[in-house]
Each structure stands twice: as C-alpha cells, then as structure tokens.
Protein backbone atom coordinates (compact mmCIF):
# COMPACT_ATOMS: atom_id res chain seq x y z
CA MET A 1 -29.69 26.71 -24.63
CA GLY A 2 -26.60 28.74 -25.42
CA LEU A 3 -22.94 28.57 -26.46
CA GLU A 4 -19.76 30.01 -24.97
CA THR A 5 -16.85 30.31 -27.41
CA GLU A 6 -13.29 30.86 -26.22
CA TYR A 7 -11.15 32.78 -28.70
CA GLY A 8 -7.44 32.27 -29.11
CA VAL A 9 -5.55 35.42 -30.08
CA ALA A 10 -2.69 35.72 -32.58
CA VAL A 11 -0.94 39.06 -33.16
CA ASP A 12 0.80 39.41 -36.51
CA GLY A 13 4.50 40.02 -35.89
CA ALA A 14 4.12 40.62 -32.15
CA ALA A 15 3.33 37.39 -30.31
CA SER A 16 4.29 38.93 -26.96
CA LEU A 17 1.30 41.29 -27.20
CA ALA A 18 -1.31 38.51 -27.18
CA ASP A 19 -2.54 39.26 -23.63
CA ALA A 20 -2.74 43.00 -24.28
CA ALA A 21 -4.54 42.27 -27.55
CA ALA A 22 -7.12 40.08 -25.78
CA GLN A 23 -8.00 42.88 -23.37
CA THR A 24 -8.09 45.48 -26.14
CA VAL A 25 -10.37 43.33 -28.30
CA VAL A 26 -13.03 43.22 -25.58
CA ALA A 27 -12.69 46.95 -24.90
CA ALA A 28 -11.95 47.93 -28.50
CA GLU A 29 -14.56 50.69 -28.45
CA GLY A 30 -13.27 51.96 -25.14
CA HIS A 31 -13.97 50.53 -21.69
CA ASP A 32 -17.66 51.24 -22.02
CA PRO A 33 -19.08 52.64 -18.74
CA HIS A 34 -22.63 52.31 -20.05
CA HIS A 35 -22.75 48.55 -19.69
CA HIS A 36 -20.75 47.60 -16.63
CA GLU A 37 -18.94 48.99 -13.65
CA PRO A 38 -15.38 50.16 -14.50
CA SER A 39 -13.95 47.98 -11.70
CA ARG A 40 -14.96 44.81 -13.57
CA GLN A 41 -13.00 43.02 -16.24
CA PRO A 42 -13.65 44.37 -19.75
CA SER A 43 -17.10 43.22 -20.87
CA ARG A 44 -19.72 44.28 -23.39
CA TRP A 45 -23.36 43.30 -23.85
CA LEU A 46 -24.39 43.05 -27.49
CA ALA A 47 -27.62 44.15 -29.10
CA ASP A 48 -28.93 40.58 -29.40
CA GLY A 49 -28.46 39.88 -25.67
CA SER A 50 -25.08 38.12 -26.01
CA ARG A 51 -22.00 39.05 -23.98
CA LEU A 52 -18.37 39.52 -25.07
CA TYR A 53 -15.99 39.47 -22.10
CA LEU A 54 -12.46 38.75 -20.95
CA ASP A 55 -12.40 35.37 -19.23
CA ALA A 56 -9.91 33.79 -16.86
CA GLY A 57 -6.66 33.11 -18.67
CA SER A 58 -6.83 36.47 -20.44
CA HIS A 59 -8.78 35.38 -23.50
CA PRO A 60 -11.90 36.86 -25.12
CA GLU A 61 -15.06 34.80 -24.80
CA LEU A 62 -18.48 35.16 -26.41
CA ALA A 63 -21.58 33.87 -24.60
CA THR A 64 -24.68 33.86 -26.79
CA GLY A 65 -28.01 34.98 -25.45
CA GLU A 66 -30.56 32.33 -24.52
CA GLN A 67 -32.04 30.45 -27.50
CA THR A 68 -34.75 27.83 -27.93
CA ASP A 69 -33.59 26.39 -31.26
CA ALA A 70 -30.23 24.93 -32.28
CA ALA A 71 -30.12 26.88 -35.56
CA ASP A 72 -30.68 30.10 -33.60
CA VAL A 73 -27.67 29.25 -31.42
CA VAL A 74 -25.51 28.96 -34.54
CA ALA A 75 -26.83 32.28 -35.88
CA ALA A 76 -26.12 34.03 -32.55
CA ALA A 77 -22.63 32.51 -32.40
CA ARG A 78 -21.80 33.72 -35.92
CA ARG A 79 -23.12 37.21 -35.13
CA GLY A 80 -20.84 37.20 -32.10
CA ASP A 81 -17.91 36.13 -34.28
CA ASP A 82 -18.54 39.14 -36.51
CA VAL A 83 -18.66 41.55 -33.57
CA ALA A 84 -15.47 40.05 -32.10
CA GLN A 85 -13.68 40.25 -35.45
CA ASN A 86 -14.66 43.91 -35.93
CA ALA A 87 -13.36 44.55 -32.42
CA ALA A 88 -10.08 42.82 -33.34
CA VAL A 89 -9.64 45.15 -36.32
CA ALA A 90 -10.22 48.17 -34.06
CA ALA A 91 -7.88 46.75 -31.42
CA ALA A 92 -5.09 46.30 -33.97
CA ARG A 93 -5.34 49.98 -34.86
CA ARG A 94 -5.22 51.00 -31.19
CA LEU A 95 -2.17 48.83 -30.50
CA GLY A 96 -0.44 49.81 -33.72
CA VAL A 97 0.09 46.21 -34.92
CA ALA A 98 -0.33 44.77 -38.39
CA GLY A 99 -3.29 42.63 -37.41
CA ILE A 100 -4.98 40.57 -34.72
CA ARG A 101 -6.48 37.21 -35.59
CA LEU A 102 -9.18 35.63 -33.46
CA LEU A 103 -9.24 31.83 -33.54
CA SER A 104 -12.37 29.93 -32.55
CA GLY A 105 -10.27 26.91 -31.49
CA PRO A 106 -8.72 24.63 -30.76
CA VAL A 107 -4.99 25.60 -30.69
CA ASP A 108 -3.45 29.04 -31.06
CA ALA A 109 0.03 30.07 -32.19
CA ARG A 110 1.44 29.69 -28.65
CA GLY A 111 0.09 26.16 -28.21
CA ASN A 112 -2.79 27.10 -25.90
CA VAL A 113 -5.84 24.87 -26.28
CA TRP A 114 -9.22 26.62 -26.48
CA GLY A 115 -12.70 25.26 -26.80
CA SER A 116 -16.37 26.00 -26.30
CA HIS A 117 -19.03 25.21 -23.72
CA GLU A 118 -22.71 24.40 -24.02
CA ASN A 119 -25.51 25.35 -21.63
CA TYR A 120 -28.91 23.70 -21.42
CA GLU A 121 -31.85 24.43 -19.16
CA THR A 122 -33.06 21.24 -17.49
CA PRO A 123 -35.60 20.53 -14.73
CA GLN A 124 -32.97 18.56 -12.80
CA PRO A 125 -29.97 19.97 -10.89
CA PRO A 126 -26.53 19.12 -12.34
CA GLN A 127 -25.88 16.57 -9.58
CA ALA A 128 -28.69 14.45 -11.01
CA TRP A 129 -26.54 13.89 -14.11
CA ASN A 130 -23.44 12.95 -12.10
CA ARG A 131 -23.62 9.20 -12.73
CA ASP A 132 -25.83 9.24 -15.81
CA SER A 133 -24.10 6.70 -18.03
CA VAL A 134 -26.20 7.56 -21.10
CA LEU A 135 -25.22 11.25 -21.11
CA ALA A 136 -21.61 10.42 -20.20
CA ALA A 137 -21.28 7.83 -22.99
CA TYR A 138 -22.80 10.26 -25.48
CA LEU A 139 -20.51 13.17 -24.59
CA ALA A 140 -17.39 10.99 -24.47
CA THR A 141 -17.97 9.48 -27.92
CA ARG A 142 -19.54 12.57 -29.56
CA LEU A 143 -16.00 13.80 -30.19
CA VAL A 144 -15.80 11.30 -33.06
CA TRP A 145 -17.93 13.67 -35.16
CA ALA A 146 -17.73 16.95 -33.19
CA GLY A 147 -13.94 17.07 -32.73
CA ALA A 148 -12.23 19.99 -34.43
CA GLY A 149 -8.94 18.18 -35.10
CA GLY A 150 -5.48 19.57 -34.52
CA LEU A 151 -1.79 18.97 -34.10
CA THR A 152 -0.16 18.10 -30.81
CA HIS A 153 3.27 16.84 -29.84
CA ASP A 154 4.63 14.60 -27.12
CA HIS A 155 7.39 15.27 -24.58
CA VAL A 156 10.12 14.49 -27.14
CA GLY A 157 8.68 16.84 -29.76
CA ARG A 158 7.07 14.32 -32.10
CA TRP A 159 3.97 15.67 -33.80
CA ARG A 160 0.74 13.77 -34.36
CA TYR A 161 -2.75 14.58 -35.57
CA VAL A 162 -5.63 14.18 -33.11
CA VAL A 163 -9.40 14.27 -33.40
CA SER A 164 -9.85 16.72 -30.51
CA PRO A 165 -7.11 18.64 -28.70
CA ARG A 166 -9.68 19.68 -26.10
CA GLY A 167 -10.76 16.09 -25.56
CA LEU A 168 -7.24 15.13 -24.52
CA ALA A 169 -7.71 17.33 -21.44
CA VAL A 170 -10.79 15.54 -20.06
CA GLY A 171 -10.08 14.76 -16.41
CA ASP A 172 -13.32 13.26 -15.06
CA ASP A 173 -16.86 12.33 -16.02
CA ALA A 174 -18.35 15.15 -13.93
CA GLY A 175 -17.18 17.59 -11.27
CA PRO A 176 -16.13 21.20 -10.63
CA THR A 177 -14.12 23.01 -13.31
CA SER A 178 -11.30 23.81 -10.91
CA SER A 179 -8.43 22.87 -13.21
CA ALA A 180 -7.83 24.48 -16.59
CA ALA A 181 -5.77 21.46 -17.66
CA ARG A 182 -8.04 18.58 -16.59
CA LYS A 183 -11.71 19.46 -17.07
CA PRO A 184 -14.77 17.27 -16.48
CA LEU A 185 -17.25 16.49 -19.23
CA ILE A 186 -19.95 18.35 -17.29
CA ASP A 187 -19.75 20.93 -14.50
CA LEU A 188 -21.66 20.02 -11.33
CA ARG A 189 -21.97 23.58 -9.99
CA ASP A 190 -25.65 24.46 -9.67
CA GLU A 191 -25.88 27.97 -11.10
CA ARG A 192 -29.53 28.97 -11.05
CA LEU A 193 -29.83 31.32 -14.01
CA ALA A 194 -33.52 30.55 -14.46
CA GLY A 195 -36.47 30.82 -12.10
CA HIS A 196 -37.58 27.18 -12.27
CA GLY A 197 -34.84 25.37 -14.17
CA HIS A 198 -31.20 24.49 -13.71
CA ARG A 199 -28.20 24.99 -15.98
CA LEU A 200 -26.45 21.90 -17.31
CA HIS A 201 -22.97 23.08 -18.32
CA VAL A 202 -21.10 20.87 -20.83
CA THR A 203 -17.51 21.99 -20.41
CA VAL A 204 -15.45 19.93 -22.87
CA ALA A 205 -15.98 20.61 -26.57
CA ASP A 206 -13.93 22.10 -29.39
CA GLY A 207 -14.83 25.23 -31.28
CA ASN A 208 -16.36 24.23 -34.62
CA ALA A 209 -15.93 26.11 -37.89
CA SER A 210 -18.54 23.80 -39.43
CA ALA A 211 -21.97 25.34 -38.92
CA GLU A 212 -23.64 21.95 -39.39
CA ILE A 213 -21.57 20.30 -36.67
CA LEU A 214 -22.27 23.17 -34.29
CA TRP A 215 -25.97 22.86 -35.08
CA LEU A 216 -25.92 19.09 -34.56
CA ARG A 217 -24.15 19.44 -31.20
CA PHE A 218 -27.12 21.35 -29.84
CA ALA A 219 -29.90 19.62 -31.79
CA VAL A 220 -28.77 16.10 -30.85
CA THR A 221 -27.92 16.92 -27.23
CA ASP A 222 -31.29 18.62 -26.77
CA LEU A 223 -33.11 15.52 -28.05
CA LEU A 224 -30.99 13.19 -25.91
CA LEU A 225 -31.61 15.22 -22.75
CA GLY A 226 -35.35 14.97 -23.41
CA VAL A 227 -35.08 11.19 -23.71
CA CYS A 228 -33.04 10.96 -20.49
CA GLU A 229 -35.46 13.18 -18.56
CA ASP A 230 -38.43 11.13 -19.75
CA GLN A 231 -37.27 8.06 -17.75
CA SER A 232 -38.96 5.79 -20.30
CA GLU A 233 -38.34 2.14 -21.11
CA VAL A 234 -36.08 3.27 -23.96
CA ARG A 235 -34.03 5.33 -21.49
CA GLY A 236 -33.64 2.28 -19.24
CA ARG A 237 -32.62 0.12 -22.17
CA LEU A 238 -29.92 2.64 -23.14
CA ALA A 239 -28.59 2.74 -19.58
CA SER A 240 -28.21 -1.05 -19.64
CA ILE A 241 -26.50 -1.13 -23.04
CA LEU A 242 -24.12 1.72 -22.22
CA GLU A 243 -23.27 0.85 -18.63
CA LEU A 244 -20.03 2.59 -17.59
CA GLY A 245 -17.66 2.29 -14.67
CA SER A 246 -16.62 5.30 -12.60
CA GLY A 247 -14.28 7.53 -14.59
CA GLN A 248 -14.61 5.36 -17.70
CA ALA A 249 -16.29 8.08 -19.77
CA ALA A 250 -13.36 10.45 -19.24
CA ALA A 251 -10.89 7.75 -20.31
CA ILE A 252 -13.00 6.97 -23.40
CA ALA A 253 -13.13 10.68 -24.30
CA ARG A 254 -9.34 10.90 -24.19
CA ASP A 255 -9.04 7.78 -26.35
CA VAL A 256 -11.56 9.06 -28.93
CA ALA A 257 -9.74 12.39 -29.04
CA ASP A 258 -6.46 10.63 -29.87
CA ASP A 259 -7.73 8.12 -32.47
CA PRO A 260 -8.29 9.41 -36.05
CA SER A 261 -8.76 5.80 -37.17
CA CYS A 262 -12.01 5.66 -35.13
CA ALA A 263 -11.21 1.97 -34.54
CA LYS A 264 -10.54 1.80 -30.81
CA ARG A 265 -13.11 -0.11 -28.75
CA TRP A 266 -14.06 -0.35 -25.07
CA ARG A 267 -16.18 -2.72 -23.02
CA LEU A 268 -19.58 -1.14 -22.37
CA GLY A 269 -22.51 -3.14 -21.05
CA GLY A 270 -20.56 -6.36 -21.48
CA ARG A 271 -19.60 -5.86 -25.15
CA LEU A 272 -16.74 -4.23 -27.02
CA ARG A 273 -17.96 -1.10 -28.79
CA SER A 274 -16.32 1.70 -30.77
CA ALA A 275 -17.28 5.38 -30.56
CA ILE A 276 -19.24 4.99 -33.81
CA ASP A 277 -21.04 1.93 -32.38
CA VAL A 278 -22.08 3.92 -29.31
CA GLN A 279 -23.28 6.84 -31.40
CA ARG A 280 -25.28 4.51 -33.68
CA ILE A 281 -27.01 2.98 -30.66
CA LEU A 282 -27.84 6.43 -29.32
CA CYS A 283 -29.10 7.64 -32.70
CA GLU A 284 -31.44 4.65 -33.11
CA HIS A 285 -32.89 5.02 -29.62
CA VAL A 286 -33.30 8.79 -29.84
CA ALA A 287 -35.10 8.41 -33.18
CA GLU A 288 -37.47 5.96 -31.49
CA ALA A 289 -38.01 7.75 -28.17
CA ALA A 290 -37.83 11.49 -28.89
CA PRO A 291 -41.25 11.74 -30.63
CA ARG A 292 -42.81 9.96 -27.65
CA SER A 293 -41.46 12.66 -25.34
CA GLY A 294 -43.39 15.33 -27.21
CA ARG A 295 -40.85 16.29 -29.90
CA ASN A 296 -42.03 16.96 -33.43
CA ALA A 297 -41.48 13.75 -35.38
CA ALA A 298 -40.40 15.55 -38.56
CA ASP A 299 -37.77 17.57 -36.69
CA VAL A 300 -36.45 14.45 -34.99
CA GLU A 301 -36.22 12.69 -38.36
CA VAL A 302 -34.15 15.54 -39.87
CA VAL A 303 -31.72 15.62 -36.94
CA CYS A 304 -31.27 11.85 -36.77
CA ALA A 305 -30.84 11.53 -40.56
CA ARG A 306 -27.98 14.03 -40.53
CA TRP A 307 -26.49 12.41 -37.44
CA GLN A 308 -26.64 8.99 -39.14
CA ARG A 309 -25.01 10.39 -42.32
CA LEU A 310 -21.97 11.45 -40.32
CA LEU A 311 -21.65 8.06 -38.66
CA ASP A 312 -21.95 6.23 -41.99
CA GLY A 313 -19.20 8.41 -43.45
CA LEU A 314 -16.88 8.00 -40.47
CA ALA A 315 -17.39 4.22 -40.57
CA GLY A 316 -16.17 4.10 -44.18
CA ASP A 317 -14.30 6.56 -46.36
CA HIS A 318 -13.81 9.70 -44.29
CA ASP A 319 -13.77 11.80 -47.48
CA ARG A 320 -17.56 11.38 -47.54
CA VAL A 321 -17.83 13.75 -44.57
CA ALA A 322 -14.87 16.04 -45.32
CA ASP A 323 -17.41 18.74 -46.26
CA THR A 324 -18.88 18.69 -42.76
CA VAL A 325 -16.70 17.17 -40.03
CA ASP A 326 -14.04 19.62 -38.88
CA TRP A 327 -11.35 17.14 -37.90
CA VAL A 328 -11.62 15.33 -41.24
CA ALA A 329 -11.62 18.60 -43.23
CA ARG A 330 -8.61 19.94 -41.32
CA HIS A 331 -6.68 16.71 -41.87
CA ARG A 332 -7.44 16.72 -45.61
CA LEU A 333 -6.22 20.33 -45.76
CA LEU A 334 -2.91 19.46 -44.10
CA CYS A 335 -2.40 16.46 -46.36
CA ARG A 336 -2.78 18.69 -49.45
CA ILE A 337 -0.16 21.16 -48.27
CA THR A 338 3.30 20.44 -49.65
CA ASP A 339 6.45 21.87 -48.15
CA ASP A 340 9.72 22.97 -49.73
CA GLY A 341 11.11 19.44 -49.77
CA SER A 342 13.20 19.84 -46.62
CA ALA A 343 10.77 17.84 -44.51
CA ASP A 344 7.57 15.88 -44.79
CA THR A 345 6.27 15.94 -41.24
CA LEU A 346 3.08 17.14 -39.62
CA GLY A 347 5.12 19.59 -37.61
CA HIS A 348 6.39 21.46 -40.66
CA PRO A 349 5.76 25.21 -40.17
CA LYS A 350 3.50 25.44 -43.22
CA ARG A 351 1.23 22.73 -41.93
CA ARG A 352 1.23 24.10 -38.39
CA ALA A 353 0.26 27.53 -39.71
CA ALA A 354 -2.54 26.07 -41.84
CA ALA A 355 -3.86 24.07 -38.88
CA ILE A 356 -4.15 27.29 -36.89
CA LEU A 357 -5.58 29.46 -39.68
CA TYR A 358 -8.34 26.89 -40.26
CA ASP A 359 -10.06 28.49 -37.25
CA ALA A 360 -9.54 32.17 -38.03
CA VAL A 361 -12.83 34.00 -37.48
CA ASP A 362 -12.08 36.32 -40.40
CA GLY A 363 -12.78 33.73 -43.08
CA GLY A 364 -10.56 30.85 -41.97
CA TYR A 365 -10.13 27.73 -44.09
CA GLY A 366 -12.74 25.91 -42.05
CA ARG A 367 -15.54 28.27 -43.07
CA ARG A 368 -14.68 27.65 -46.72
CA LEU A 369 -14.13 23.89 -46.56
CA THR A 370 -17.13 22.82 -44.53
CA ARG A 371 -20.74 22.87 -45.55
CA SER A 372 -22.68 25.86 -44.23
CA SER A 373 -26.24 24.88 -45.14
CA LEU A 374 -28.56 24.22 -42.22
CA PRO A 375 -32.09 22.87 -42.07
CA VAL A 376 -34.75 25.55 -42.40
CA ALA A 377 -35.05 26.86 -38.86
CA ALA A 378 -38.39 27.09 -37.17
CA PRO A 379 -39.49 30.69 -36.53
CA GLN A 380 -37.35 32.03 -33.74
CA ARG A 381 -39.14 32.10 -30.42
CA PRO A 382 -37.88 35.17 -28.56
CA THR A 383 -36.40 34.73 -25.09
CA ARG A 384 -35.28 37.13 -22.39
CA ALA A 385 -32.25 37.81 -24.60
CA ALA A 386 -34.60 40.07 -26.59
CA LEU A 387 -35.43 42.02 -23.40
CA ARG A 388 -31.75 42.34 -22.55
CA GLY A 389 -30.97 43.51 -26.07
CA ARG A 390 -33.68 46.18 -25.90
CA VAL A 391 -32.18 47.56 -22.70
CA VAL A 392 -28.66 47.48 -24.19
CA ASP A 393 -29.88 49.46 -27.19
CA ALA A 394 -31.81 51.97 -25.04
CA VAL A 395 -28.81 52.48 -22.74
CA ARG A 396 -26.51 53.14 -25.68
CA ARG A 397 -28.90 55.61 -27.24
CA ALA A 398 -29.34 57.47 -23.95
CA GLY A 399 -25.64 57.44 -23.05
CA ALA A 400 -26.73 56.22 -19.62
CA ILE A 401 -24.91 54.26 -16.93
CA ALA A 402 -26.46 50.85 -16.33
CA ASP A 403 -25.82 47.53 -14.65
CA ILE A 404 -26.95 44.75 -16.99
CA GLY A 405 -26.89 41.04 -16.22
CA TRP A 406 -28.33 37.73 -17.39
CA GLN A 407 -31.39 37.99 -15.13
CA GLY A 408 -32.07 41.72 -15.02
CA ALA A 409 -30.88 45.29 -15.37
CA SER A 410 -30.75 48.56 -13.41
CA ALA A 411 -30.62 52.09 -14.80
CA ARG A 412 -31.71 55.54 -13.66
CA GLY A 413 -32.98 54.30 -10.34
CA MET A 414 -35.14 51.53 -11.82
CA THR A 415 -34.53 47.77 -11.69
CA VAL A 416 -36.14 45.06 -13.82
CA ARG A 417 -35.90 41.29 -13.33
CA TRP A 418 -36.09 38.47 -15.87
CA PRO A 419 -36.38 35.23 -13.85
CA ASP A 420 -37.79 33.15 -16.72
CA PRO A 421 -35.44 32.75 -19.71
CA GLN A 422 -38.35 31.96 -22.04
CA VAL A 423 -40.33 35.17 -21.40
CA ALA A 424 -39.72 37.91 -23.97
CA GLU A 425 -42.48 40.37 -23.05
CA ASP A 426 -42.24 42.46 -19.88
CA ALA A 427 -44.08 45.67 -18.98
CA ALA A 428 -41.39 46.75 -16.51
CA THR A 429 -38.74 46.51 -19.24
CA ASP A 430 -40.96 48.58 -21.53
CA ALA A 431 -41.17 51.21 -18.79
CA LEU A 432 -37.39 51.21 -18.27
CA CYS A 433 -36.73 51.68 -21.99
CA ASP A 434 -39.29 54.52 -22.08
CA ARG A 435 -37.56 56.18 -19.14
CA LEU A 436 -34.19 55.91 -20.87
CA GLN A 437 -35.60 57.49 -24.02
CA ARG A 438 -36.89 60.57 -22.18
CA PRO A 439 -34.43 63.49 -21.82
CA ARG A 440 -32.98 63.64 -18.35
CA LEU A 441 -33.49 67.07 -16.75
CA LEU A 442 -30.42 68.59 -15.11
CA PRO A 443 -30.84 70.29 -11.72
CA ALA A 444 -31.11 74.08 -11.80
CA ALA A 445 -27.89 75.97 -11.08
C-alpha cells in the first residue's frame, strides 16, 4: 500500500510565482542528473524509496514507497512532508521570495482543490471492482470521517462550509481519471507495478493533517478489501444490504461532502440510510469477517474500535471527535476566529486564511489540533522500497548517473529488477551498490 499527496503551493507576497515555486520546490537542490534523465519533469527519489515529483497541473506530489502496514504509510508520508518542506525553504531562497508554504490539501490560496490518492495491491484487476457495491458504498460514505473540511462558494459568491472539497468533484463510481474536475472514486486503469498483483488506485480523498485519520484510511480499507476478496457469506450479506444503482455511489459521495450535519439519507438495499449508518454496518461486518480471512484478531479489534469511536462521535456531539476528525477540527477553528466586527461570514479573509493555513506542512493548525498518537505499529516489514532507497543512497555517494524507477534501476551498465514489491533482499542490488561504491577508473590519456 502507499499514499500520493498533492501539495498546494502558496508564495508569500507573490501569488503569481506559484507555478515557478512548484517547479523549484521539486528541483530545490538543483535538477539532479543522478536520479533521472534531464529531459523529464523535475523528480527526485528519496532515501526511503519515496518519490517527490512535479505532477500534471504544475504541483508537487509525494508518492511514498511501498508499505505493508498502515502506520508505516503515515510515517513515510510525514517523512516526505519534511523533505518537501525543506525543499520549499531552499526554493524560497533561490526565487528570492519571503517564503513558500506547502499545503497538504484541500484548497490553496488560489482556490485550487488538492487531495491525495491511495494505492493497494490486490489479486484482482481494477475492472473486477467496477461494480462492487460494497467498496463503492464504503468509499462514498467514508468522507463522513475522512473529509478534511473546507470553504467553498457558489456561483453568486456565497460561502459555505463543506465536509470534503475533493468529494464535491466525484464524477463517477469508477472509470479513467481523464478529467481533473470530475474524478471517479477508483481508477480502472490496470497498471501492473507488481509481478503477480494489480494496483487498486483510490483517486478521491482529501489530504489529512490528522495522523489518526490517515492511518484509519489505510487500516480500514485494507481490512475491507480482504473481506471483499474473501467472497464469504459476510461479503454476500454486505452486498445485499448496500445494494447500489449505477452512479449512485458518486452522487452519495457528493452529498456526504456537502453535508456537515451528517443527516442526509439515501435508499440502499431497500432502506433509507445515512453515511454513518452505512459505516456502522461496514464496521460491524468487518469486525466479524476480517479475522476469518486470516487477519490478526487483536489488530482488527484495535482498528474497528477506533473506527466505531469516530462514528459514535459524529452521530452525537461532534466536539467528541474534534481532536481527530479534520473537518470537525477545522470547523471548530473557524468558529473560534473573530473578525474586526465588519462582517461575520465564513468568507471573511481571516477565516479563509485560517482554513488554508490549517494544512500548512510547516506546522499548520491541523497538526496541532488533531491527535497524533497511533497504535503501536508492528515491526516494519521491509519492501522493495528499501532496495530502491539503497540504490538512491549509493548513487548519491558515487555521484553517478542512474535511471531509477518503481520496479528497477540501471547504473554503470548494470540493471536490476524488482518485480515483487514485498521482496527486500536482492543479490543483484547488492552487486550494483558494490559497483557504485568502487572508484571508477578513467581511461588513460
């Protein structure tokens, strides 16, 4: 599993330089020829196997290396935040501006909506999930606790607070990500980044300042995918309870994203249900079925207990989860901000600025307001990200030119392949690193 985080960019006192700042952040240490061909967009591989690059739309993006544990995904994402922030400081010096702020979502100073994406290795191709009502219902209603919150305004300029700015842009249950404005919940392109598995790409999610919410996104989704793949009686029961019509999940996602009251209901499986109702049903069934599919019962209990706590809080007084749920914490922050008496609207500049700075990577309000404690992580099981990181480090030390990718690397006439994302030991990679460490003899004059 792994996370991709889109960063919004804000330049202090020079908004017109945002695009230039985005490029400079990625190449803040110079357009490094040791890690990619100069003809490519700016891109850097990090020492833990993650990648910082300039994505379409001229924004920095951080893709973590492959992980096997949800807590390890959070740790990799936060390490990437630190690298990106250090690069932003260096980029500000190079551009001669007062400062560059990186925002982990969802809305930057120019009104652009950013988010994050999740990747999971599954035995089934993405098309197999195309009409999976259980996964679709889960992703559509998960926004009720995973939404980052934010301000948006309608065509006449009236401001309102929403649960998930990114969720408002859901265009379909599943499909290609061809439109930046109307994205599907999952991407159906079959990108084979593993030898035997397939990548399931969840495209619509906010960036979360809350470490616990980010952890739960991966921990819960991982358990649910295991239940769906198991094709058990519990899985069949869920499919019957959460039966959806074509395109209904996308419509539900947009409704959840626009409903801070959490009260709206839809007809699923013949009954009216709210987003919290759907999540409760899923939580109960996952708690029952996940241990049967081979998951550690104690781990499942921890995940489901924290999941249930969020749902209980959202069903009652939202203040009970203001230490964890981003959209609740952001809303409480805006409500506490008073203006100069000239206006009392959500769109007041002070509140708009606070809503944006909640997501600042350099210690934004969200990192201080939300709980950062996570369950004790199981010992990290290394993946091929460790192999990639070793090559990155060896290339840097040698000052060599290399071509590094997700599934392999080439340097000094030698190529290594990493077809299995869960293999962290490789003799060929050892040999490549040894070759890079040896002095390279220059030809005689």
